Amino acid sequence: MNSASHFITFEGPEGSGKSTQARRLAEALEARGLKVKLTREPGGDPVSEEIRKIILDGADRSVVDRAELFLYLAARAQHTEKVIRPHLQDDFVVLCARYIDSTVAYQGYGSGLDLDLIHRMNSLATGGLVPDLTILLDIDVEVGLRRSAAADQWNRMERKAVEYHERVRQGFLEEARLHPERIFVIDGSQDAETVRDAVIRHVAHRLGISV
């Protein structure tokens, strides 16, 4: 990775505002003259977007947990190799809504698959690429799900039981506790402008630029 490049991910439960805040940060950084690549997971690459349709858009809930894990990892391997690494090598700040921590939280804590195995498979899928910074937007599960429903963004994952989403949220918070040097937690239940300002302040501090 070149010295001018940075890899920043946004994580959090459903409805926490990851895509919105990633977009707003992209606008703020571009206004400061930085090259920014805004992307998402699953997706960000034509192959990965096709996998996204299988994972999220289908009404069929019969995808088993292990298959779901492999689908996410396949999309991530393609996305990392074709999108994230090339932009980092070209001195971009890469902003990604969801990445490795989502798999740990959803398929690990949520679905109960082996966490050590998921960490190893994440490393294999990404070639060991870990974000420089992860913004975790924390929010009460039921509040977040209501936000998603109101925005007409309900997908297969969001239709899972509330108890599942509670385990996912606790997984994110546990990962933040384990990796405080990388994961910065912001209260995602605040209004969008307050969250935006907090995100920009923290990222500006990490990048050493003025706000």
N, C-alpha and C. Protein backbone atom coordinates (compact mmCIF):
# COMPACT_ATOMS: atom_id res chain seq x y z
N MET A 1 0.84 -1.19 0.00
CA MET A 1 0.00 0.00 0.00
C MET A 1 0.88 1.24 0.00
N ASN A 2 0.57 2.21 -0.82
CA ASN A 2 1.34 3.44 -0.88
C ASN A 2 1.03 4.32 0.33
N SER A 3 1.98 5.22 0.64
CA SER A 3 1.85 6.03 1.85
C SER A 3 0.64 6.96 1.80
N ALA A 4 0.23 7.39 0.60
CA ALA A 4 -0.89 8.32 0.49
C ALA A 4 -2.24 7.63 0.53
N SER A 5 -2.25 6.33 0.42
CA SER A 5 -3.51 5.60 0.35
C SER A 5 -3.98 5.22 1.76
N HIS A 6 -5.30 5.12 1.91
CA HIS A 6 -5.88 4.67 3.16
C HIS A 6 -7.11 3.83 2.85
N PHE A 7 -7.33 2.83 3.66
CA PHE A 7 -8.47 1.94 3.49
C PHE A 7 -9.35 2.07 4.73
N ILE A 8 -10.55 2.61 4.53
CA ILE A 8 -11.47 2.88 5.63
C ILE A 8 -12.77 2.13 5.37
N THR A 9 -13.23 1.37 6.35
CA THR A 9 -14.47 0.63 6.20
C THR A 9 -15.52 1.14 7.18
N PHE A 10 -16.78 0.93 6.81
CA PHE A 10 -17.91 1.28 7.65
C PHE A 10 -18.65 0.00 8.00
N GLU A 11 -18.90 -0.20 9.28
CA GLU A 11 -19.58 -1.39 9.75
C GLU A 11 -20.72 -1.02 10.69
N GLY A 12 -21.57 -1.99 10.97
CA GLY A 12 -22.64 -1.77 11.92
C GLY A 12 -23.86 -2.60 11.59
N PRO A 13 -24.80 -2.65 12.53
CA PRO A 13 -26.05 -3.39 12.29
C PRO A 13 -26.86 -2.78 11.16
N GLU A 14 -27.93 -3.47 10.80
CA GLU A 14 -28.82 -2.96 9.75
C GLU A 14 -29.38 -1.59 10.15
N GLY A 15 -29.47 -0.69 9.18
CA GLY A 15 -30.07 0.61 9.41
C GLY A 15 -29.21 1.59 10.17
N SER A 16 -27.93 1.30 10.33
CA SER A 16 -27.07 2.19 11.10
C SER A 16 -26.53 3.37 10.29
N GLY A 17 -26.70 3.33 8.97
CA GLY A 17 -26.30 4.46 8.14
C GLY A 17 -24.94 4.34 7.48
N LYS A 18 -24.47 3.12 7.31
CA LYS A 18 -23.14 2.90 6.76
C LYS A 18 -22.96 3.52 5.37
N SER A 19 -23.86 3.21 4.45
CA SER A 19 -23.73 3.70 3.08
C SER A 19 -23.85 5.22 3.03
N THR A 20 -24.78 5.76 3.80
CA THR A 20 -24.97 7.22 3.83
C THR A 20 -23.72 7.92 4.34
N GLN A 21 -23.17 7.44 5.44
CA GLN A 21 -22.01 8.09 6.02
C GLN A 21 -20.75 7.87 5.19
N ALA A 22 -20.63 6.75 4.54
CA ALA A 22 -19.51 6.53 3.64
C ALA A 22 -19.57 7.52 2.47
N ARG A 23 -20.76 7.73 1.94
CA ARG A 23 -20.93 8.68 0.84
C ARG A 23 -20.62 10.10 1.29
N ARG A 24 -21.07 10.47 2.47
CA ARG A 24 -20.82 11.83 2.97
C ARG A 24 -19.33 12.04 3.26
N LEU A 25 -18.68 11.03 3.76
CA LEU A 25 -17.24 11.15 3.98
C LEU A 25 -16.51 11.27 2.65
N ALA A 26 -16.94 10.51 1.65
CA ALA A 26 -16.32 10.61 0.33
C ALA A 26 -16.42 12.04 -0.21
N GLU A 27 -17.59 12.64 -0.07
CA GLU A 27 -17.78 14.02 -0.54
C GLU A 27 -16.84 14.98 0.20
N ALA A 28 -16.72 14.79 1.52
CA ALA A 28 -15.87 15.68 2.32
C ALA A 28 -14.40 15.53 1.94
N LEU A 29 -13.95 14.31 1.72
CA LEU A 29 -12.55 14.10 1.37
C LEU A 29 -12.24 14.59 -0.04
N GLU A 30 -13.16 14.38 -0.96
CA GLU A 30 -12.96 14.89 -2.32
C GLU A 30 -12.90 16.42 -2.32
N ALA A 31 -13.69 17.06 -1.47
CA ALA A 31 -13.66 18.52 -1.37
C ALA A 31 -12.31 19.01 -0.85
N ARG A 32 -11.57 18.14 -0.19
CA ARG A 32 -10.25 18.49 0.31
C ARG A 32 -9.15 18.06 -0.64
N GLY A 33 -9.54 17.64 -1.84
CA GLY A 33 -8.58 17.34 -2.89
C GLY A 33 -8.03 15.93 -2.90
N LEU A 34 -8.62 15.03 -2.12
CA LEU A 34 -8.14 13.65 -2.09
C LEU A 34 -8.85 12.82 -3.16
N LYS A 35 -8.15 11.82 -3.66
CA LYS A 35 -8.75 10.86 -4.58
C LYS A 35 -9.47 9.80 -3.74
N VAL A 36 -10.76 9.59 -4.04
CA VAL A 36 -11.57 8.71 -3.22
C VAL A 36 -12.27 7.67 -4.09
N LYS A 37 -12.23 6.44 -3.65
CA LYS A 37 -13.02 5.36 -4.26
C LYS A 37 -14.04 4.89 -3.24
N LEU A 38 -15.32 5.04 -3.58
CA LEU A 38 -16.42 4.62 -2.72
C LEU A 38 -16.95 3.29 -3.24
N THR A 39 -17.02 2.29 -2.38
CA THR A 39 -17.47 0.97 -2.81
C THR A 39 -18.24 0.30 -1.68
N ARG A 40 -18.64 -0.96 -1.90
CA ARG A 40 -19.47 -1.64 -0.91
C ARG A 40 -19.27 -3.15 -0.99
N GLU A 41 -19.70 -3.84 0.06
CA GLU A 41 -19.73 -5.30 0.06
C GLU A 41 -21.08 -5.79 0.60
N PRO A 42 -21.54 -6.93 0.08
CA PRO A 42 -21.00 -7.58 -1.11
C PRO A 42 -21.27 -6.73 -2.34
N GLY A 43 -20.34 -6.73 -3.25
CA GLY A 43 -20.49 -5.93 -4.47
C GLY A 43 -19.22 -5.20 -4.82
N GLY A 44 -19.38 -4.12 -5.57
CA GLY A 44 -18.25 -3.28 -5.94
C GLY A 44 -17.54 -3.68 -7.21
N ASP A 45 -17.83 -4.87 -7.71
CA ASP A 45 -17.23 -5.43 -8.92
C ASP A 45 -18.34 -6.22 -9.60
N PRO A 46 -18.34 -6.29 -10.95
CA PRO A 46 -19.45 -7.00 -11.63
C PRO A 46 -19.70 -8.41 -11.12
N VAL A 47 -18.65 -9.17 -10.90
CA VAL A 47 -18.83 -10.53 -10.39
C VAL A 47 -19.40 -10.49 -8.98
N SER A 48 -18.86 -9.63 -8.15
CA SER A 48 -19.33 -9.52 -6.77
C SER A 48 -20.76 -9.02 -6.69
N GLU A 49 -21.16 -8.16 -7.62
CA GLU A 49 -22.54 -7.68 -7.63
C GLU A 49 -23.51 -8.81 -7.98
N GLU A 50 -23.10 -9.71 -8.84
CA GLU A 50 -23.95 -10.87 -9.14
C GLU A 50 -24.11 -11.75 -7.91
N ILE A 51 -23.02 -11.94 -7.16
CA ILE A 51 -23.11 -12.72 -5.93
C ILE A 51 -24.01 -12.01 -4.93
N ARG A 52 -23.95 -10.68 -4.89
CA ARG A 52 -24.81 -9.91 -4.00
C ARG A 52 -26.28 -10.22 -4.25
N LYS A 53 -26.65 -10.35 -5.52
CA LYS A 53 -28.05 -10.64 -5.84
C LYS A 53 -28.49 -11.97 -5.23
N ILE A 54 -27.59 -12.94 -5.27
CA ILE A 54 -27.92 -14.25 -4.69
C ILE A 54 -28.09 -14.14 -3.19
N ILE A 55 -27.17 -13.42 -2.54
CA ILE A 55 -27.17 -13.35 -1.08
C ILE A 55 -28.32 -12.52 -0.54
N LEU A 56 -28.55 -11.34 -1.13
CA LEU A 56 -29.44 -10.37 -0.51
C LEU A 56 -30.80 -10.21 -1.18
N ASP A 57 -30.83 -10.30 -2.50
CA ASP A 57 -32.04 -9.90 -3.21
C ASP A 57 -33.07 -11.01 -3.36
N GLY A 58 -32.66 -12.24 -3.21
CA GLY A 58 -33.59 -13.34 -3.43
C GLY A 58 -34.56 -13.54 -2.28
N ALA A 59 -35.76 -13.96 -2.60
CA ALA A 59 -36.75 -14.24 -1.56
C ALA A 59 -36.52 -15.60 -0.91
N ASP A 60 -35.75 -16.46 -1.57
CA ASP A 60 -35.51 -17.80 -1.07
C ASP A 60 -34.63 -17.73 0.18
N ARG A 61 -35.11 -18.25 1.29
CA ARG A 61 -34.36 -18.21 2.54
C ARG A 61 -33.62 -19.52 2.80
N SER A 62 -33.51 -20.38 1.81
CA SER A 62 -32.97 -21.71 2.04
C SER A 62 -31.45 -21.77 1.98
N VAL A 63 -30.76 -20.65 1.73
CA VAL A 63 -29.30 -20.66 1.69
C VAL A 63 -28.78 -21.03 3.07
N VAL A 64 -28.01 -22.11 3.15
CA VAL A 64 -27.51 -22.56 4.45
C VAL A 64 -26.36 -21.67 4.90
N ASP A 65 -26.07 -21.68 6.19
CA ASP A 65 -25.09 -20.76 6.76
C ASP A 65 -23.71 -20.89 6.13
N ARG A 66 -23.25 -22.13 5.90
CA ARG A 66 -21.91 -22.30 5.32
C ARG A 66 -21.87 -21.78 3.89
N ALA A 67 -22.93 -22.01 3.13
CA ALA A 67 -22.98 -21.50 1.76
C ALA A 67 -22.97 -19.98 1.77
N GLU A 68 -23.73 -19.40 2.69
CA GLU A 68 -23.76 -17.94 2.82
C GLU A 68 -22.36 -17.41 3.09
N LEU A 69 -21.63 -18.06 3.98
CA LEU A 69 -20.26 -17.65 4.29
C LEU A 69 -19.38 -17.69 3.04
N PHE A 70 -19.45 -18.79 2.30
CA PHE A 70 -18.60 -18.93 1.11
C PHE A 70 -18.96 -17.90 0.04
N LEU A 71 -20.24 -17.58 -0.08
CA LEU A 71 -20.64 -16.58 -1.06
C LEU A 71 -20.06 -15.21 -0.72
N TYR A 72 -20.15 -14.83 0.55
CA TYR A 72 -19.57 -13.55 0.97
C TYR A 72 -18.06 -13.53 0.72
N LEU A 73 -17.40 -14.61 1.04
CA LEU A 73 -15.94 -14.67 0.87
C LEU A 73 -15.55 -14.63 -0.60
N ALA A 74 -16.33 -15.29 -1.45
CA ALA A 74 -16.04 -15.26 -2.89
C ALA A 74 -16.17 -13.84 -3.43
N ALA A 75 -17.25 -13.16 -3.03
CA ALA A 75 -17.44 -11.77 -3.46
C ALA A 75 -16.30 -10.90 -2.96
N ARG A 76 -15.86 -11.13 -1.73
CA ARG A 76 -14.79 -10.32 -1.14
C ARG A 76 -13.45 -10.55 -1.85
N ALA A 77 -13.16 -11.79 -2.17
CA ALA A 77 -11.90 -12.08 -2.86
C ALA A 77 -11.84 -11.34 -4.20
N GLN A 78 -12.92 -11.40 -4.96
CA GLN A 78 -12.99 -10.71 -6.25
C GLN A 78 -12.88 -9.19 -6.07
N HIS A 79 -13.63 -8.67 -5.13
CA HIS A 79 -13.68 -7.23 -4.88
C HIS A 79 -12.33 -6.69 -4.43
N THR A 80 -11.68 -7.41 -3.53
CA THR A 80 -10.39 -6.96 -3.02
C THR A 80 -9.35 -6.92 -4.13
N GLU A 81 -9.34 -7.96 -4.93
CA GLU A 81 -8.31 -8.06 -5.98
C GLU A 81 -8.56 -7.10 -7.13
N LYS A 82 -9.81 -6.91 -7.51
CA LYS A 82 -10.13 -6.14 -8.70
C LYS A 82 -10.41 -4.66 -8.43
N VAL A 83 -10.79 -4.32 -7.21
CA VAL A 83 -11.19 -2.94 -6.91
C VAL A 83 -10.34 -2.30 -5.82
N ILE A 84 -10.30 -2.93 -4.65
CA ILE A 84 -9.68 -2.28 -3.50
C ILE A 84 -8.17 -2.13 -3.67
N ARG A 85 -7.48 -3.22 -3.92
CA ARG A 85 -6.02 -3.13 -4.03
C ARG A 85 -5.56 -2.21 -5.17
N PRO A 86 -6.15 -2.29 -6.36
CA PRO A 86 -5.68 -1.39 -7.42
C PRO A 86 -5.84 0.09 -7.06
N HIS A 87 -6.92 0.44 -6.39
CA HIS A 87 -7.11 1.85 -6.02
C HIS A 87 -6.16 2.27 -4.91
N LEU A 88 -5.89 1.38 -3.97
CA LEU A 88 -4.91 1.71 -2.94
C LEU A 88 -3.52 1.90 -3.56
N GLN A 89 -3.20 1.09 -4.53
CA GLN A 89 -1.91 1.22 -5.20
C GLN A 89 -1.79 2.50 -6.01
N ASP A 90 -2.95 3.09 -6.34
CA ASP A 90 -2.98 4.34 -7.09
C ASP A 90 -3.25 5.54 -6.17
N ASP A 91 -2.95 5.38 -4.89
CA ASP A 91 -3.02 6.47 -3.90
C ASP A 91 -4.43 7.00 -3.65
N PHE A 92 -5.43 6.14 -3.75
CA PHE A 92 -6.79 6.53 -3.40
C PHE A 92 -7.04 6.27 -1.91
N VAL A 93 -7.97 7.05 -1.36
CA VAL A 93 -8.59 6.66 -0.10
C VAL A 93 -9.79 5.80 -0.48
N VAL A 94 -9.77 4.56 -0.08
CA VAL A 94 -10.86 3.63 -0.40
C VAL A 94 -11.82 3.56 0.78
N LEU A 95 -13.09 3.85 0.52
CA LEU A 95 -14.14 3.78 1.54
C LEU A 95 -15.08 2.65 1.17
N CYS A 96 -15.26 1.72 2.08
CA CYS A 96 -16.08 0.55 1.78
C CYS A 96 -17.13 0.32 2.85
N ALA A 97 -18.39 0.26 2.43
CA ALA A 97 -19.49 -0.08 3.33
C ALA A 97 -19.53 -1.60 3.49
N ARG A 98 -19.10 -2.07 4.62
CA ARG A 98 -18.96 -3.46 5.03
C ARG A 98 -17.67 -4.08 4.46
N TYR A 99 -17.08 -4.96 5.29
CA TYR A 99 -15.88 -5.69 4.87
C TYR A 99 -15.74 -6.88 5.82
N ILE A 100 -14.55 -7.19 6.25
CA ILE A 100 -14.29 -8.42 6.99
C ILE A 100 -15.07 -8.51 8.30
N ASP A 101 -15.27 -7.39 8.98
CA ASP A 101 -15.94 -7.44 10.29
C ASP A 101 -17.40 -7.86 10.17
N SER A 102 -18.03 -7.56 9.03
CA SER A 102 -19.42 -8.00 8.85
C SER A 102 -19.51 -9.51 8.82
N THR A 103 -18.54 -10.16 8.18
CA THR A 103 -18.58 -11.62 8.12
C THR A 103 -18.37 -12.22 9.50
N VAL A 104 -17.46 -11.62 10.27
CA VAL A 104 -17.24 -12.09 11.63
C VAL A 104 -18.53 -11.92 12.45
N ALA A 105 -19.17 -10.75 12.34
CA ALA A 105 -20.37 -10.47 13.14
C ALA A 105 -21.57 -11.29 12.70
N TYR A 106 -21.81 -11.35 11.39
CA TYR A 106 -23.03 -12.02 10.90
C TYR A 106 -22.89 -13.53 10.86
N GLN A 107 -21.87 -14.02 10.19
CA GLN A 107 -21.73 -15.47 10.05
C GLN A 107 -21.10 -16.11 11.29
N GLY A 108 -20.29 -15.33 12.03
CA GLY A 108 -19.68 -15.84 13.24
C GLY A 108 -20.60 -15.72 14.44
N TYR A 109 -20.72 -14.50 14.96
CA TYR A 109 -21.55 -14.28 16.14
C TYR A 109 -23.02 -14.55 15.85
N GLY A 110 -23.51 -14.12 14.69
CA GLY A 110 -24.92 -14.29 14.37
C GLY A 110 -25.32 -15.72 14.11
N SER A 111 -24.59 -16.39 13.20
CA SER A 111 -24.96 -17.75 12.79
C SER A 111 -24.24 -18.83 13.57
N GLY A 112 -23.23 -18.45 14.37
CA GLY A 112 -22.57 -19.43 15.22
C GLY A 112 -21.48 -20.24 14.54
N LEU A 113 -21.01 -19.81 13.37
CA LEU A 113 -19.90 -20.51 12.73
C LEU A 113 -18.60 -20.17 13.45
N ASP A 114 -17.60 -21.03 13.31
CA ASP A 114 -16.36 -20.92 14.06
C ASP A 114 -15.63 -19.61 13.76
N LEU A 115 -15.38 -18.81 14.80
CA LEU A 115 -14.77 -17.49 14.60
C LEU A 115 -13.33 -17.59 14.11
N ASP A 116 -12.56 -18.51 14.65
CA ASP A 116 -11.17 -18.65 14.20
C ASP A 116 -11.12 -19.02 12.72
N LEU A 117 -12.02 -19.91 12.31
CA LEU A 117 -12.08 -20.29 10.90
C LEU A 117 -12.44 -19.09 10.03
N ILE A 118 -13.41 -18.29 10.47
CA ILE A 118 -13.81 -17.12 9.69
C ILE A 118 -12.66 -16.13 9.57
N HIS A 119 -11.92 -15.91 10.64
CA HIS A 119 -10.77 -15.00 10.56
C HIS A 119 -9.74 -15.51 9.55
N ARG A 120 -9.48 -16.82 9.56
CA ARG A 120 -8.52 -17.38 8.62
C ARG A 120 -9.02 -17.26 7.18
N MET A 121 -10.30 -17.51 6.98
CA MET A 121 -10.86 -17.45 5.63
C MET A 121 -10.94 -16.00 5.14
N ASN A 122 -11.22 -15.07 6.04
CA ASN A 122 -11.17 -13.66 5.66
C ASN A 122 -9.77 -13.29 5.18
N SER A 123 -8.76 -13.75 5.90
CA SER A 123 -7.38 -13.46 5.52
C SER A 123 -7.05 -14.06 4.16
N LEU A 124 -7.53 -15.27 3.92
CA LEU A 124 -7.31 -15.91 2.61
C LEU A 124 -8.00 -15.13 1.50
N ALA A 125 -9.25 -14.74 1.73
CA ALA A 125 -10.03 -14.04 0.70
C ALA A 125 -9.44 -12.68 0.36
N THR A 126 -8.85 -12.01 1.34
CA THR A 126 -8.35 -10.65 1.13
C THR A 126 -6.85 -10.59 0.89
N GLY A 127 -6.17 -11.73 0.97
CA GLY A 127 -4.72 -11.69 0.90
C GLY A 127 -4.11 -10.97 2.08
N GLY A 128 -4.83 -10.99 3.21
CA GLY A 128 -4.33 -10.36 4.43
C GLY A 128 -4.57 -8.86 4.53
N LEU A 129 -5.39 -8.31 3.64
CA LEU A 129 -5.63 -6.87 3.65
C LEU A 129 -6.62 -6.51 4.76
N VAL A 130 -6.17 -5.70 5.71
CA VAL A 130 -6.98 -5.24 6.84
C VAL A 130 -7.15 -3.73 6.73
N PRO A 131 -8.32 -3.19 7.02
CA PRO A 131 -8.51 -1.73 6.93
C PRO A 131 -7.57 -0.97 7.87
N ASP A 132 -7.20 0.23 7.46
CA ASP A 132 -6.45 1.12 8.35
C ASP A 132 -7.34 1.63 9.47
N LEU A 133 -8.61 1.81 9.16
CA LEU A 133 -9.58 2.33 10.11
C LEU A 133 -10.94 1.76 9.79
N THR A 134 -11.68 1.39 10.83
CA THR A 134 -13.06 0.94 10.67
C THR A 134 -13.96 1.81 11.55
N ILE A 135 -14.95 2.41 10.94
CA ILE A 135 -15.96 3.18 11.66
C ILE A 135 -17.13 2.26 11.94
N LEU A 136 -17.38 1.99 13.22
CA LEU A 136 -18.50 1.14 13.61
C LEU A 136 -19.64 2.03 14.06
N LEU A 137 -20.73 2.04 13.30
CA LEU A 137 -21.91 2.82 13.64
C LEU A 137 -22.86 1.92 14.43
N ASP A 138 -22.89 2.13 15.72
CA ASP A 138 -23.69 1.27 16.59
C ASP A 138 -25.11 1.83 16.73
N ILE A 139 -26.08 0.93 16.75
CA ILE A 139 -27.48 1.35 16.88
C ILE A 139 -28.29 0.21 17.47
N ASP A 140 -29.32 0.56 18.22
CA ASP A 140 -30.25 -0.45 18.73
C ASP A 140 -30.83 -1.24 17.55
N VAL A 141 -30.88 -2.54 17.71
CA VAL A 141 -31.28 -3.43 16.61
C VAL A 141 -32.68 -3.09 16.08
N GLU A 142 -33.64 -2.95 16.96
CA GLU A 142 -35.01 -2.71 16.50
C GLU A 142 -35.15 -1.34 15.84
N VAL A 143 -34.41 -0.35 16.35
CA VAL A 143 -34.42 0.97 15.71
C VAL A 143 -33.84 0.88 14.31
N GLY A 144 -32.73 0.17 14.18
CA GLY A 144 -32.10 0.03 12.87
C GLY A 144 -32.98 -0.70 11.87
N LEU A 145 -33.63 -1.77 12.31
CA LEU A 145 -34.51 -2.51 11.41
C LEU A 145 -35.70 -1.67 10.98
N ARG A 146 -36.22 -0.85 11.89
CA ARG A 146 -37.32 0.04 11.50
C ARG A 146 -36.85 1.06 10.47
N ARG A 147 -35.65 1.56 10.64
CA ARG A 147 -35.09 2.49 9.64
C ARG A 147 -35.01 1.83 8.27
N SER A 148 -34.50 0.61 8.24
CA SER A 148 -34.37 -0.10 6.96
C SER A 148 -35.73 -0.34 6.32
N ALA A 149 -36.71 -0.72 7.13
CA ALA A 149 -38.05 -0.96 6.60
C ALA A 149 -38.65 0.33 6.06
N ALA A 150 -38.46 1.43 6.78
CA ALA A 150 -39.01 2.72 6.34
C ALA A 150 -38.38 3.19 5.05
N ALA A 151 -37.11 2.83 4.84
CA ALA A 151 -36.41 3.23 3.62
C ALA A 151 -36.62 2.23 2.49
N ASP A 152 -37.47 1.22 2.73
CA ASP A 152 -37.77 0.19 1.72
C ASP A 152 -36.49 -0.52 1.29
N GLN A 153 -35.63 -0.86 2.27
CA GLN A 153 -34.36 -1.52 1.98
C GLN A 153 -34.32 -2.93 2.57
N TRP A 154 -35.47 -3.51 2.81
CA TRP A 154 -35.55 -4.84 3.43
C TRP A 154 -34.98 -5.88 2.49
N ASN A 155 -34.03 -6.70 2.99
CA ASN A 155 -33.47 -7.77 2.17
C ASN A 155 -33.48 -9.08 2.96
N ARG A 156 -32.92 -10.12 2.37
CA ARG A 156 -32.99 -11.44 2.98
C ARG A 156 -32.34 -11.48 4.37
N MET A 157 -31.23 -10.76 4.54
CA MET A 157 -30.57 -10.75 5.83
C MET A 157 -31.41 -10.03 6.88
N GLU A 158 -32.04 -8.95 6.48
CA GLU A 158 -32.83 -8.18 7.44
C GLU A 158 -34.08 -8.93 7.88
N ARG A 159 -34.51 -9.92 7.10
CA ARG A 159 -35.69 -10.69 7.47
C ARG A 159 -35.39 -11.75 8.53
N LYS A 160 -34.12 -11.88 8.91
CA LYS A 160 -33.79 -12.84 9.96
C LYS A 160 -34.31 -12.34 11.31
N ALA A 161 -34.39 -13.24 12.28
CA ALA A 161 -35.00 -12.93 13.58
C ALA A 161 -34.24 -11.82 14.31
N VAL A 162 -34.98 -11.10 15.14
CA VAL A 162 -34.38 -10.02 15.94
C VAL A 162 -33.25 -10.58 16.81
N GLU A 163 -33.43 -11.77 17.34
CA GLU A 163 -32.40 -12.37 18.19
C GLU A 163 -31.09 -12.56 17.43
N TYR A 164 -31.21 -12.91 16.17
CA TYR A 164 -30.02 -13.03 15.31
C TYR A 164 -29.31 -11.68 15.22
N HIS A 165 -30.07 -10.63 14.96
CA HIS A 165 -29.48 -9.31 14.81
C HIS A 165 -28.89 -8.80 16.12
N GLU A 166 -29.46 -9.21 17.25
CA GLU A 166 -28.88 -8.84 18.55
C GLU A 166 -27.50 -9.48 18.70
N ARG A 167 -27.36 -10.73 18.29
CA ARG A 167 -26.06 -11.40 18.37
C ARG A 167 -25.06 -10.71 17.44
N VAL A 168 -25.53 -10.29 16.28
CA VAL A 168 -24.67 -9.58 15.33
C VAL A 168 -24.15 -8.28 15.95
N ARG A 169 -25.06 -7.52 16.55
CA ARG A 169 -24.65 -6.25 17.17
C ARG A 169 -23.61 -6.49 18.26
N GLN A 170 -23.86 -7.46 19.11
CA GLN A 170 -22.90 -7.74 20.17
C GLN A 170 -21.57 -8.21 19.60
N GLY A 171 -21.62 -8.90 18.46
CA GLY A 171 -20.39 -9.31 17.80
C GLY A 171 -19.56 -8.12 17.34
N PHE A 172 -20.23 -7.15 16.73
CA PHE A 172 -19.53 -5.94 16.32
C PHE A 172 -18.87 -5.26 17.52
N LEU A 173 -19.61 -5.13 18.62
CA LEU A 173 -19.09 -4.45 19.80
C LEU A 173 -17.93 -5.23 20.42
N GLU A 174 -18.02 -6.55 20.39
CA GLU A 174 -16.91 -7.36 20.90
C GLU A 174 -15.66 -7.19 20.04
N GLU A 175 -15.83 -7.15 18.73
CA GLU A 175 -14.68 -6.94 17.85
C GLU A 175 -14.06 -5.56 18.08
N ALA A 176 -14.91 -4.56 18.35
CA ALA A 176 -14.38 -3.22 18.66
C ALA A 176 -13.58 -3.25 19.96
N ARG A 177 -14.05 -4.02 20.92
CA ARG A 177 -13.31 -4.14 22.19
C ARG A 177 -11.97 -4.83 21.97
N LEU A 178 -11.94 -5.81 21.08
CA LEU A 178 -10.71 -6.56 20.82
C LEU A 178 -9.72 -5.79 19.95
N HIS A 179 -10.24 -4.86 19.13
CA HIS A 179 -9.36 -4.14 18.17
C HIS A 179 -9.56 -2.63 18.28
N PRO A 180 -9.31 -2.05 19.44
CA PRO A 180 -9.55 -0.60 19.61
C PRO A 180 -8.62 0.26 18.78
N GLU A 181 -7.49 -0.28 18.38
CA GLU A 181 -6.55 0.49 17.56
C GLU A 181 -7.08 0.73 16.15
N ARG A 182 -8.04 -0.09 15.73
CA ARG A 182 -8.57 0.01 14.36
C ARG A 182 -10.03 0.42 14.32
N ILE A 183 -10.84 -0.07 15.25
CA ILE A 183 -12.30 0.11 15.19
C ILE A 183 -12.72 1.25 16.11
N PHE A 184 -13.35 2.27 15.53
CA PHE A 184 -13.82 3.44 16.28
C PHE A 184 -15.34 3.43 16.28
N VAL A 185 -15.93 3.45 17.47
CA VAL A 185 -17.38 3.32 17.60
C VAL A 185 -18.03 4.70 17.69
N ILE A 186 -19.08 4.89 16.89
CA ILE A 186 -19.88 6.12 16.91
C ILE A 186 -21.33 5.72 17.09
N ASP A 187 -22.06 6.49 17.87
CA ASP A 187 -23.48 6.24 18.10
C ASP A 187 -24.27 6.56 16.84
N GLY A 188 -24.70 5.52 16.14
CA GLY A 188 -25.42 5.70 14.89
C GLY A 188 -26.86 6.11 15.04
N SER A 189 -27.35 6.15 16.28
CA SER A 189 -28.75 6.56 16.49
C SER A 189 -28.91 8.08 16.49
N GLN A 190 -27.81 8.82 16.51
CA GLN A 190 -27.87 10.27 16.45
C GLN A 190 -28.34 10.71 15.06
N ASP A 191 -28.70 11.99 14.93
CA ASP A 191 -29.12 12.46 13.61
C ASP A 191 -27.94 12.40 12.65
N ALA A 192 -28.26 12.30 11.36
CA ALA A 192 -27.25 12.02 10.34
C ALA A 192 -26.15 13.08 10.29
N GLU A 193 -26.50 14.34 10.53
CA GLU A 193 -25.49 15.40 10.47
C GLU A 193 -24.51 15.29 11.64
N THR A 194 -25.00 14.94 12.82
CA THR A 194 -24.12 14.76 13.97
C THR A 194 -23.16 13.61 13.74
N VAL A 195 -23.68 12.51 13.20
CA VAL A 195 -22.83 11.36 12.88
C VAL A 195 -21.80 11.75 11.84
N ARG A 196 -22.24 12.45 10.80
CA ARG A 196 -21.32 12.88 9.75
C ARG A 196 -20.17 13.69 10.32
N ASP A 197 -20.47 14.64 11.18
CA ASP A 197 -19.43 15.49 11.76
C ASP A 197 -18.45 14.68 12.59
N ALA A 198 -18.97 13.71 13.35
CA ALA A 198 -18.10 12.87 14.17
C ALA A 198 -17.19 12.01 13.29
N VAL A 199 -17.75 11.47 12.22
CA VAL A 199 -16.95 10.65 11.28
C VAL A 199 -15.84 11.50 10.67
N ILE A 200 -16.19 12.67 10.17
CA ILE A 200 -15.20 13.51 9.49
C ILE A 200 -14.10 13.94 10.46
N ARG A 201 -14.47 14.32 11.67
CA ARG A 201 -13.45 14.72 12.64
C ARG A 201 -12.46 13.60 12.92
N HIS A 202 -12.99 12.40 13.13
CA HIS A 202 -12.09 11.28 13.46
C HIS A 202 -11.22 10.91 12.27
N VAL A 203 -11.80 10.85 11.09
CA VAL A 203 -11.02 10.49 9.90
C VAL A 203 -9.97 11.56 9.60
N ALA A 204 -10.34 12.82 9.73
CA ALA A 204 -9.38 13.90 9.50
C ALA A 204 -8.20 13.78 10.47
N HIS A 205 -8.50 13.44 11.71
CA HIS A 205 -7.43 13.27 12.69
C HIS A 205 -6.52 12.11 12.28
N ARG A 206 -7.10 11.01 11.85
CA ARG A 206 -6.30 9.84 11.47
C ARG A 206 -5.47 10.12 10.22
N LEU A 207 -6.02 10.91 9.29
CA LEU A 207 -5.31 11.19 8.05
C LEU A 207 -4.38 12.39 8.18
N GLY A 208 -4.51 13.14 9.28
CA GLY A 208 -3.66 14.30 9.46
C GLY A 208 -4.02 15.45 8.56
N ILE A 209 -5.33 15.64 8.30
CA ILE A 209 -5.78 16.75 7.46
C ILE A 209 -6.71 17.63 8.27
N SER A 210 -6.95 18.86 7.78
CA SER A 210 -7.82 19.78 8.49
C SER A 210 -9.27 19.47 8.16
N VAL A 211 -10.17 19.78 9.11
CA VAL A 211 -11.60 19.54 8.90
C VAL A 211 -12.25 20.81 8.36
